């Protein structure tokens, strides 16, 4: 065993022993200390021996820093589908993304069954404009095949200098489709809005960043001003929204609730156990809400949908959501890198865990994609939490640029004709108001 690896062995053993003592508390007085100490030595020695063997015999030369980083990545990624070690570049990117901007093509991906698969393209991004869809399988970047076991490497290859060209090849229903794009600094305007008709508003939330609640509040104020009074109803579109900042989801829910629990969380540390509740004040003053969801609605989107559903504040329309019922904490590490670590599960106000289950809509409406003539292919494959490699079991289981305001009559009509889920949501919203008026007329 080389001197360097011996030194690493000493550090690993010291770290394991130190953690055992600090976490275990009174371990030494319990009578189990010798067995625990021996196990720590054995595990540390095994680690060092494997590292030495790989360093000595692997077909390509590797330095110690590469091996140690790979070991750390493997340790964290093996925990669940969302925990991840972040090097300095990845850490910077994830910090930037929570503020609503980052550099890339704007696509959320995951490894599933050995294939790097698109969870959702972010609205307005180069990926979305190019036509990349949820469920597409990424097979090459710039003509070079991707390796399914190297998800972060693939993500890194899609990042780069703003304005630089990139080619992403996806496999869709057996057909390879090449998308040529330019990377952009994606300033995600997370809220897009328009009036669907007199006094009926439509808001699309593409992800939850630190500014989303403020953007949403301003959007509602703008629509109410444009309609000359309070809205009669609102369609809140969370389809293909991959989530984001938990506190942002709480603030968005709070806009529509006067009181009550929004979300509770439970983890092993005191910081991971909390309850968030609504404050008095409803920006819609009780006007009806329909929330649109689908298989791409995940995490923070499910917190909002679950809160409004449990409080009977909104009707949920669309397809079952992704089912990500866990929360990740970003942890700073000394060298400018970090950890994205799953630290808690969250629960809707009624106590439901939606992990690997999702939110079931009140009214199921599957999306009918616009088809070309004579195109009778089935629906696209959809990806949910339970499909991800190494996902956590659900409880009970066994193991950009802002676009100008559209002209209401023409573009709203066109949108409703091409989007059957949105059209159905508006129908529900209008019928809800009619039924309410009939109820009051007979009282």
Protein backbone atom coordinates (compact mmCIF):
# COMPACT_ATOMS: atom_id res chain seq x y z
CA UNK A 1 0.00 0.00 0.00
CA UNK A 2 1.49 3.38 -1.00
CA UNK A 3 2.32 6.05 1.57
CA UNK A 4 -0.30 8.39 0.11
CA UNK A 5 -3.03 5.76 0.35
CA UNK A 6 -1.88 4.92 3.89
CA UNK A 7 -2.28 8.60 4.76
CA UNK A 8 -5.75 8.59 3.24
CA UNK A 9 -6.55 5.48 5.26
CA UNK A 10 -5.56 7.30 8.46
CA UNK A 11 -7.75 10.29 7.56
CA UNK A 12 -10.71 8.07 6.67
CA UNK A 13 -10.39 6.08 9.90
CA UNK A 14 -10.10 9.28 11.93
CA UNK A 15 -13.14 10.76 10.23
CA UNK A 16 -15.23 7.62 10.69
CA UNK A 17 -14.22 7.32 14.34
CA UNK A 18 -14.83 11.01 14.98
CA UNK A 19 -18.27 10.88 13.43
CA UNK A 20 -19.10 7.73 15.35
CA UNK A 21 -18.16 9.39 18.63
CA UNK A 22 -19.90 12.71 17.90
CA UNK A 23 -23.10 11.15 16.55
CA UNK A 24 -23.21 8.20 18.89
CA UNK A 25 -22.81 10.30 22.02
CA UNK A 26 -22.11 7.90 24.89
CA UNK A 27 -20.85 5.15 22.65
CA UNK A 28 -17.72 4.42 24.66
CA UNK A 29 -19.63 3.74 27.88
CA UNK A 30 -22.21 1.50 26.24
CA UNK A 31 -20.11 -1.62 26.02
CA UNK A 32 -20.47 -1.72 22.22
CA UNK A 33 -17.55 0.60 21.55
CA UNK A 34 -14.97 -2.10 20.73
CA UNK A 35 -17.24 -3.69 18.12
CA UNK A 36 -18.11 -0.32 16.60
CA UNK A 37 -14.46 0.71 16.56
CA UNK A 38 -13.41 -2.53 14.89
CA UNK A 39 -16.14 -2.14 12.27
CA UNK A 40 -14.98 1.41 11.54
CA UNK A 41 -11.40 0.21 11.06
CA UNK A 42 -12.51 -2.61 8.79
CA UNK A 43 -14.65 -0.34 6.60
CA UNK A 44 -11.94 2.30 6.35
CA UNK A 45 -9.32 -0.31 5.49
CA UNK A 46 -11.63 -1.78 2.81
CA UNK A 47 -12.10 1.68 1.30
CA UNK A 48 -8.36 2.32 1.18
CA UNK A 49 -7.62 -1.11 -0.28
CA UNK A 50 -10.21 -0.69 -3.05
CA UNK A 51 -8.86 2.75 -3.81
CA UNK A 52 -5.30 1.40 -4.01
CA UNK A 53 -6.36 -1.47 -6.28
CA UNK A 54 -8.26 0.86 -8.65
CA UNK A 55 -5.40 3.36 -8.71
CA UNK A 56 -2.86 0.63 -9.45
CA UNK A 57 -4.75 -1.63 -11.88
CA UNK A 58 -7.34 0.53 -13.66
CA UNK A 59 -6.79 0.72 -17.43
CA UNK A 60 -6.36 4.53 -17.38
CA UNK A 61 -4.22 6.47 -14.88
CA UNK A 62 -6.20 8.23 -12.14
CA UNK A 63 -5.09 10.63 -9.45
CA UNK A 64 -6.25 10.54 -5.85
CA UNK A 65 -8.50 13.60 -6.13
CA UNK A 66 -10.46 12.00 -9.00
CA UNK A 67 -10.92 8.79 -7.04
CA UNK A 68 -11.99 10.55 -3.86
CA UNK A 69 -14.48 12.78 -5.66
CA UNK A 70 -15.93 9.74 -7.42
CA UNK A 71 -16.22 7.96 -4.08
CA UNK A 72 -18.04 10.93 -2.59
CA UNK A 73 -20.37 11.20 -5.59
CA UNK A 74 -21.14 7.51 -5.39
CA UNK A 75 -21.82 7.64 -1.67
CA UNK A 76 -24.27 10.52 -1.98
CA UNK A 77 -25.99 9.52 -5.22
CA UNK A 78 -26.64 6.03 -3.87
CA UNK A 79 -28.81 7.49 -1.10
CA UNK A 80 -31.77 8.38 -3.30
CA UNK A 81 -32.66 9.82 -6.71
CA UNK A 82 -32.23 13.48 -5.67
CA UNK A 83 -29.23 13.66 -3.33
CA UNK A 84 -26.08 14.81 -5.10
CA UNK A 85 -22.52 15.97 -4.46
CA UNK A 86 -21.94 19.32 -6.19
CA UNK A 87 -18.52 20.44 -7.34
CA UNK A 88 -17.82 24.17 -7.39
CA UNK A 89 -19.34 24.73 -10.85
CA UNK A 90 -22.45 22.67 -10.10
CA UNK A 91 -22.85 24.37 -6.74
CA UNK A 92 -22.65 27.81 -8.34
CA UNK A 93 -25.20 26.82 -10.97
CA UNK A 94 -27.70 25.51 -8.45
CA UNK A 95 -27.37 28.63 -6.32
CA UNK A 96 -27.94 30.80 -9.39
CA UNK A 97 -30.98 28.75 -10.46
CA UNK A 98 -32.81 29.43 -7.19
CA UNK A 99 -32.61 33.14 -7.95
CA UNK A 100 -34.31 32.61 -11.31
CA UNK A 101 -31.42 32.57 -13.79
CA UNK A 102 -28.68 30.23 -15.02
CA UNK A 103 -26.72 29.32 -18.12
CA UNK A 104 -27.70 26.39 -20.34
CA UNK A 105 -30.43 25.12 -22.64
CA UNK A 106 -33.16 24.99 -20.00
CA UNK A 107 -34.06 21.35 -19.53
CA UNK A 108 -34.63 19.22 -16.41
CA UNK A 109 -33.28 15.67 -16.82
CA UNK A 110 -33.08 12.46 -14.78
CA UNK A 111 -31.56 9.00 -15.18
CA UNK A 112 -34.23 6.34 -15.63
CA UNK A 113 -33.69 2.67 -16.42
CA UNK A 114 -30.20 3.45 -17.68
CA UNK A 115 -31.39 6.27 -19.94
CA UNK A 116 -30.99 10.03 -19.47
CA UNK A 117 -34.56 11.26 -19.85
CA UNK A 118 -36.12 14.72 -20.07
CA UNK A 119 -38.40 15.42 -17.11
CA UNK A 120 -39.47 18.78 -18.50
CA UNK A 121 -38.11 21.63 -20.64
CA UNK A 122 -38.39 25.03 -18.95
CA UNK A 123 -40.87 27.34 -20.64
CA UNK A 124 -39.24 29.81 -23.02
CA UNK A 125 -35.84 28.08 -22.94
CA UNK A 126 -33.83 27.07 -26.02
CA UNK A 127 -34.84 23.44 -25.33
CA UNK A 128 -38.56 24.30 -25.23
CA UNK A 129 -38.35 26.48 -28.36
CA UNK A 130 -36.49 23.73 -30.19
CA UNK A 131 -39.27 21.27 -29.46
CA UNK A 132 -37.69 19.02 -26.82
CA UNK A 133 -40.46 17.33 -24.81
CA UNK A 134 -40.99 15.62 -21.50
CA UNK A 135 -40.14 11.93 -21.96
CA UNK A 136 -37.53 12.48 -24.69
CA UNK A 137 -34.39 10.38 -24.19
CA UNK A 138 -31.11 12.25 -24.59
CA UNK A 139 -28.69 10.08 -26.54
CA UNK A 140 -26.00 12.53 -27.69
CA UNK A 141 -24.64 16.02 -27.04
CA UNK A 142 -22.68 17.65 -29.86
CA UNK A 143 -22.64 14.32 -31.68
CA UNK A 144 -21.00 12.45 -28.81
CA UNK A 145 -23.04 9.70 -27.18
CA UNK A 146 -24.00 10.28 -23.56
CA UNK A 147 -23.26 7.78 -20.82
CA UNK A 148 -26.30 7.03 -18.64
CA UNK A 149 -24.13 6.58 -15.53
CA UNK A 150 -22.72 10.09 -15.95
CA UNK A 151 -25.80 12.27 -15.55
CA UNK A 152 -23.90 15.26 -14.14
CA UNK A 153 -21.33 15.04 -16.91
CA UNK A 154 -24.16 15.22 -19.46
CA UNK A 155 -25.64 18.23 -17.67
CA UNK A 156 -22.20 19.82 -17.66
CA UNK A 157 -21.82 19.28 -21.38
CA UNK A 158 -25.08 21.11 -21.98
CA UNK A 159 -23.75 24.09 -20.03
CA UNK A 160 -21.26 26.50 -21.52
CA UNK A 161 -20.60 30.00 -22.70
CA UNK A 162 -23.74 32.01 -23.51
CA UNK A 163 -24.25 32.16 -27.27
CA UNK A 164 -22.21 29.06 -28.03
CA UNK A 165 -23.80 26.43 -30.24
CA UNK A 166 -24.92 23.04 -28.99
CA UNK A 167 -26.57 20.03 -30.60
CA UNK A 168 -28.72 17.73 -28.46
CA UNK A 169 -29.99 14.49 -30.01
CA UNK A 170 -33.06 12.88 -28.45
CA UNK A 171 -34.82 9.60 -29.07
CA UNK A 172 -38.61 9.87 -29.32
CA UNK A 173 -40.76 6.86 -30.19
CA UNK A 174 -37.81 5.17 -31.92
CA UNK A 175 -36.83 8.24 -33.95
CA UNK A 176 -33.58 10.16 -33.37
CA UNK A 177 -34.21 13.91 -33.52
CA UNK A 178 -31.34 16.43 -33.49
CA UNK A 179 -31.96 19.84 -31.92
CA UNK A 180 -29.49 22.62 -32.75
CA UNK A 181 -29.55 25.47 -30.24
CA UNK A 182 -27.51 28.27 -28.74
CA UNK A 183 -26.87 28.32 -25.02
CA UNK A 184 -28.38 31.24 -23.16
CA UNK A 185 -28.32 32.85 -19.76
CA UNK A 186 -31.81 31.70 -18.89
CA UNK A 187 -33.54 34.47 -17.00
CA UNK A 188 -36.60 32.55 -16.11
CA UNK A 189 -39.67 34.74 -15.84
CA UNK A 190 -41.38 32.15 -13.70
CA UNK A 191 -44.86 33.66 -14.13
CA UNK A 192 -46.68 34.28 -17.42
CA UNK A 193 -50.26 35.52 -17.52
CA UNK A 194 -53.17 36.58 -19.68
CA UNK A 195 -56.93 37.01 -19.59
CA UNK A 196 -58.87 34.11 -21.11
CA UNK A 197 -62.04 36.16 -21.25
CA UNK A 198 -63.79 38.89 -19.28
CA UNK A 199 -62.77 38.49 -15.62
CA UNK A 200 -61.15 35.05 -16.11
CA UNK A 201 -57.41 34.96 -15.56
CA UNK A 202 -54.74 32.48 -16.59
CA UNK A 203 -51.37 32.22 -14.87
CA UNK A 204 -48.61 29.82 -15.87
CA UNK A 205 -45.93 29.21 -13.21
CA UNK A 206 -42.94 27.50 -14.84
CA UNK A 207 -40.83 27.01 -11.70
CA UNK A 208 -40.60 28.27 -8.12
CA UNK A 209 -37.77 30.74 -7.55
CA UNK A 210 -37.28 33.35 -4.86
CA UNK A 211 -39.26 35.91 -6.91
CA UNK A 212 -42.25 33.75 -7.95
CA UNK A 213 -44.76 34.86 -5.30
CA UNK A 214 -44.07 38.54 -6.03
CA UNK A 215 -44.36 37.94 -9.78
CA UNK A 216 -47.65 36.10 -9.28
CA UNK A 217 -49.12 38.80 -7.07
CA UNK A 218 -48.21 41.47 -9.64
CA UNK A 219 -49.68 39.35 -12.46
CA UNK A 220 -53.02 39.02 -10.65
CA UNK A 221 -53.08 42.76 -9.88
CA UNK A 222 -52.41 43.48 -13.56
CA UNK A 223 -55.20 41.21 -14.78
CA UNK A 224 -57.67 42.67 -12.29
CA UNK A 225 -56.77 46.15 -13.41
CA UNK A 226 -57.17 45.16 -17.06
CA UNK A 227 -60.58 43.57 -16.41
CA UNK A 228 -61.82 46.54 -14.43
CA UNK A 229 -62.39 44.70 -11.15
CA UNK A 230 -61.86 41.49 -9.21
CA UNK A 231 -61.42 38.32 -11.22
CA UNK A 232 -64.34 35.90 -11.32
CA UNK A 233 -61.92 32.96 -11.51
CA UNK A 234 -58.32 31.94 -12.11
CA UNK A 235 -56.63 29.03 -13.87
CA UNK A 236 -53.29 28.35 -12.16
CA UNK A 237 -51.20 26.26 -14.56
CA UNK A 238 -48.51 24.15 -12.86
CA UNK A 239 -48.04 21.65 -15.68
CA UNK A 240 -44.42 20.66 -16.35
CA UNK A 241 -43.30 22.74 -13.38
CA UNK A 242 -40.37 20.81 -11.86
CA UNK A 243 -40.52 22.65 -8.53
CA UNK A 244 -37.89 24.83 -6.93
CA UNK A 245 -37.68 26.68 -3.61
CA UNK A 246 -39.96 25.31 -0.88
CA UNK A 247 -40.53 28.72 0.73
CA UNK A 248 -41.65 30.05 -2.64
CA UNK A 249 -44.31 27.32 -2.87
CA UNK A 250 -45.47 28.26 0.65
CA UNK A 251 -45.69 31.95 -0.30
CA UNK A 252 -47.65 31.16 -3.47
CA UNK A 253 -50.12 29.00 -1.53
CA UNK A 254 -50.45 31.75 1.09
CA UNK A 255 -51.64 34.19 -1.59
CA UNK A 256 -54.89 32.21 -1.91
CA UNK A 257 -55.46 31.01 1.67
CA UNK A 258 -56.74 32.94 4.69
CA UNK A 259 -55.69 30.44 7.33
CA UNK A 260 -54.59 26.87 7.98
CA UNK A 261 -51.57 24.66 7.48
CA UNK A 262 -49.88 24.80 4.06
CA UNK A 263 -47.25 22.09 4.51
CA UNK A 264 -45.52 20.15 7.26
CA UNK A 265 -42.10 18.53 7.06
CA UNK A 266 -40.40 15.80 9.02
CA UNK A 267 -36.75 14.83 9.11
CA UNK A 268 -34.06 13.75 11.56
CA UNK A 269 -32.81 17.22 12.56
CA UNK A 270 -34.73 20.00 14.28
CA UNK A 271 -34.38 22.23 11.20
CA UNK A 272 -36.08 19.53 9.11
CA UNK A 273 -39.21 19.44 11.29
CA UNK A 274 -41.56 22.35 10.79
CA UNK A 275 -45.04 23.52 9.87
CA UNK A 276 -45.81 26.42 7.52
CA UNK A 277 -49.21 28.09 7.82
CA UNK A 278 -51.17 30.68 5.86
CA UNK A 279 -51.67 34.31 6.90
CA UNK A 280 -54.87 36.27 6.62
CA UNK A 281 -55.55 37.68 3.16
CA UNK A 282 -56.63 36.17 -0.16
CA UNK A 283 -55.54 38.07 -3.28
CA UNK A 284 -58.60 36.75 -5.16
CA UNK A 285 -61.02 37.48 -2.32
CA UNK A 286 -62.42 33.95 -2.55
CA UNK A 287 -62.81 33.78 -6.35
CA UNK A 288 -62.76 30.25 -7.78
CA UNK A 289 -59.47 28.60 -8.76
CA UNK A 290 -58.67 25.65 -11.01
CA UNK A 291 -55.14 24.27 -10.75
CA UNK A 292 -53.82 22.48 -13.85
CA UNK A 293 -51.30 19.67 -13.22
CA UNK A 294 -49.70 16.80 -15.10
CA UNK A 295 -46.94 14.20 -14.81
CA UNK A 296 -44.32 16.98 -15.03
CA UNK A 297 -45.69 18.84 -11.98
CA UNK A 298 -43.24 18.02 -9.21
CA UNK A 299 -42.07 18.93 -5.72
CA UNK A 300 -42.98 22.58 -4.99
CA UNK A 301 -45.81 22.36 -7.55
CA UNK A 302 -47.24 19.45 -5.59
CA UNK A 303 -47.00 21.40 -2.34
CA UNK A 304 -49.20 24.13 -3.84
CA UNK A 305 -51.65 21.72 -5.47
CA UNK A 306 -51.89 19.63 -2.29
CA UNK A 307 -52.50 22.64 -0.05
CA UNK A 308 -55.21 24.14 -2.24
CA UNK A 309 -56.85 20.74 -2.73
CA UNK A 310 -56.88 19.84 0.98
CA UNK A 311 -58.36 23.23 1.90
CA UNK A 312 -61.01 22.88 -0.86
CA UNK A 313 -59.75 26.19 -2.21
CA UNK A 314 -59.25 24.91 -5.77
CA UNK A 315 -60.27 22.12 -8.09
CA UNK A 316 -57.30 20.14 -9.41
CA UNK A 317 -57.62 19.27 -13.11
CA UNK A 318 -55.34 17.26 -15.39
CA UNK A 319 -53.21 14.17 -14.82
CA UNK A 320 -51.57 12.62 -11.73
CA UNK A 321 -48.48 14.57 -10.69
CA UNK A 322 -44.86 13.41 -10.55
CA UNK A 323 -44.84 12.31 -6.91
CA UNK A 324 -41.74 13.93 -5.36
CA UNK A 325 -42.55 14.14 -1.66
CA UNK A 326 -39.07 14.97 -0.38
CA UNK A 327 -37.12 18.18 0.19
CA UNK A 328 -33.44 18.71 -0.52
CA UNK A 329 -31.22 21.06 1.49
CA UNK A 330 -28.21 22.77 -0.12
CA UNK A 331 -25.25 22.41 2.26
CA UNK A 332 -22.07 24.50 1.93
CA UNK A 333 -18.75 22.67 1.90
CA UNK A 334 -15.37 24.31 2.59
CA UNK A 335 -13.85 24.32 -0.91
CA UNK A 336 -16.72 26.10 -2.65
CA UNK A 337 -18.50 22.84 -3.40
CA UNK A 338 -21.65 21.55 -1.73
CA UNK A 339 -24.22 18.86 -1.11
CA UNK A 340 -27.80 18.65 -2.26
CA UNK A 341 -29.06 16.28 0.38
CA UNK A 342 -32.54 14.91 0.97
CA UNK A 343 -33.23 15.95 4.56
CA UNK A 344 -37.00 15.69 4.96
CA UNK A 345 -40.30 14.41 3.66
CA UNK A 346 -43.19 16.83 3.36
CA UNK A 347 -46.91 16.33 3.95
CA UNK A 348 -50.00 18.11 2.68
CA UNK A 349 -52.33 19.81 5.21
CA UNK A 350 -54.36 16.61 5.63
CA UNK A 351 -51.19 14.66 6.46
CA UNK A 352 -50.77 12.97 3.07
CA UNK A 353 -47.33 11.98 1.81
CA UNK A 354 -47.30 12.07 -1.98
CA UNK A 355 -43.86 10.42 -2.33
CA UNK A 356 -43.92 8.13 -5.39
CA UNK A 357 -47.72 8.57 -5.47
CA UNK A 358 -48.40 12.11 -6.66
CA UNK A 359 -51.48 14.29 -6.38
CA UNK A 360 -54.58 12.73 -7.91
CA UNK A 361 -56.62 15.39 -9.74
CA UNK A 362 -60.26 15.98 -8.85
CA UNK A 363 -61.06 15.88 -12.55
CA UNK A 364 -58.82 13.71 -14.75
CA UNK A 365 -58.14 15.15 -18.19
CA UNK A 366 -55.35 13.57 -20.24
CA UNK A 367 -53.56 15.86 -22.65
CA UNK A 368 -54.48 15.37 -26.30
CA UNK A 369 -51.42 16.45 -28.26
CA UNK A 370 -52.03 18.16 -31.58
CA UNK A 371 -51.60 15.50 -34.28
CA UNK A 372 -50.74 15.62 -37.90
CA UNK A 373 -53.23 14.06 -40.29
CA UNK A 374 -53.03 10.23 -40.36
CA UNK A 375 -50.90 10.30 -37.18
CA UNK A 376 -52.41 7.68 -34.88
CA UNK A 377 -49.45 7.14 -32.54
CA UNK A 378 -50.21 6.78 -28.82
CA UNK A 379 -49.45 9.17 -26.03
CA UNK A 380 -45.85 9.98 -25.16
CA UNK A 381 -44.24 8.03 -22.36
CA UNK A 382 -44.37 10.02 -19.12
CA UNK A 383 -41.86 9.99 -16.26
CA UNK A 384 -42.78 10.20 -12.58
CA UNK A 385 -40.90 9.91 -9.28
CA UNK A 386 -41.54 6.17 -8.93
CA UNK A 387 -39.81 5.62 -12.31
CA UNK A 388 -36.52 7.17 -11.17
CA UNK A 389 -33.60 4.91 -10.32
CA UNK A 390 -33.06 4.74 -6.54
CA UNK A 391 -36.19 6.75 -5.64
CA UNK A 392 -37.26 6.72 -2.00
CA UNK A 393 -40.23 4.54 -1.15
CA UNK A 394 -43.51 6.26 -0.50
CA UNK A 395 -44.91 5.79 3.00
CA UNK A 396 -46.90 2.58 3.14
CA UNK A 397 -44.75 0.92 0.45
CA UNK A 398 -42.59 -2.04 1.21
CA UNK A 399 -39.28 -1.21 0.17
CA UNK A 400 -35.89 34.57 -20.76
CA UNK A 401 -37.41 37.14 -21.77
CA UNK A 402 -40.93 38.42 -21.00
CA UNK A 403 -43.24 38.24 -23.99
CA UNK A 404 -45.52 41.14 -24.85
CA UNK A 405 -49.16 40.84 -23.80
CA UNK A 406 -51.10 38.83 -26.39
CA UNK A 407 -54.20 40.12 -28.09
CA UNK A 408 -56.88 38.47 -26.00
CA UNK A 409 -59.49 37.47 -28.56
CA UNK A 410 -57.21 35.82 -31.10
CA UNK A 411 -54.41 34.22 -29.08
CA UNK A 412 -56.57 33.08 -26.16
CA UNK A 413 -58.99 31.39 -28.54
CA UNK A 414 -56.12 29.70 -30.37
CA UNK A 415 -54.61 28.52 -27.09
CA UNK A 416 -57.91 27.05 -25.91
CA UNK A 417 -58.42 25.24 -29.23
CA UNK A 418 -54.97 23.63 -29.07
CA UNK A 419 -54.93 22.79 -25.33
CA UNK A 420 -57.78 20.51 -24.27
CA UNK A 421 -56.72 20.52 -20.61
CA UNK A 422 -56.83 24.30 -20.42
CA UNK A 423 -60.17 24.39 -22.24
CA UNK A 424 -61.59 21.91 -19.72
CA UNK A 425 -60.20 23.94 -16.81
CA UNK A 426 -61.97 27.05 -18.07
CA UNK A 427 -65.20 25.08 -18.46
CA UNK A 428 -64.92 23.90 -14.85
CA UNK A 429 -64.23 27.44 -13.68
CA UNK A 430 -67.24 28.89 -15.48
CA UNK A 431 -69.60 26.08 -14.47
CA UNK A 432 -68.44 26.47 -10.87
CA UNK A 433 -69.55 30.10 -10.94
CA UNK A 434 -72.90 29.22 -12.54
CA UNK A 435 -73.57 26.53 -9.94
CA UNK A 436 -72.69 28.96 -7.16
CA UNK A 437 -75.11 31.56 -8.54
CA UNK A 438 -77.86 28.95 -8.78
CA UNK A 439 -77.22 27.91 -5.19
CA UNK A 440 -77.52 31.45 -3.88
CA UNK A 441 -80.62 32.10 -6.02
CA UNK A 442 -82.45 29.24 -4.24
CA UNK A 443 -81.44 30.23 -0.71
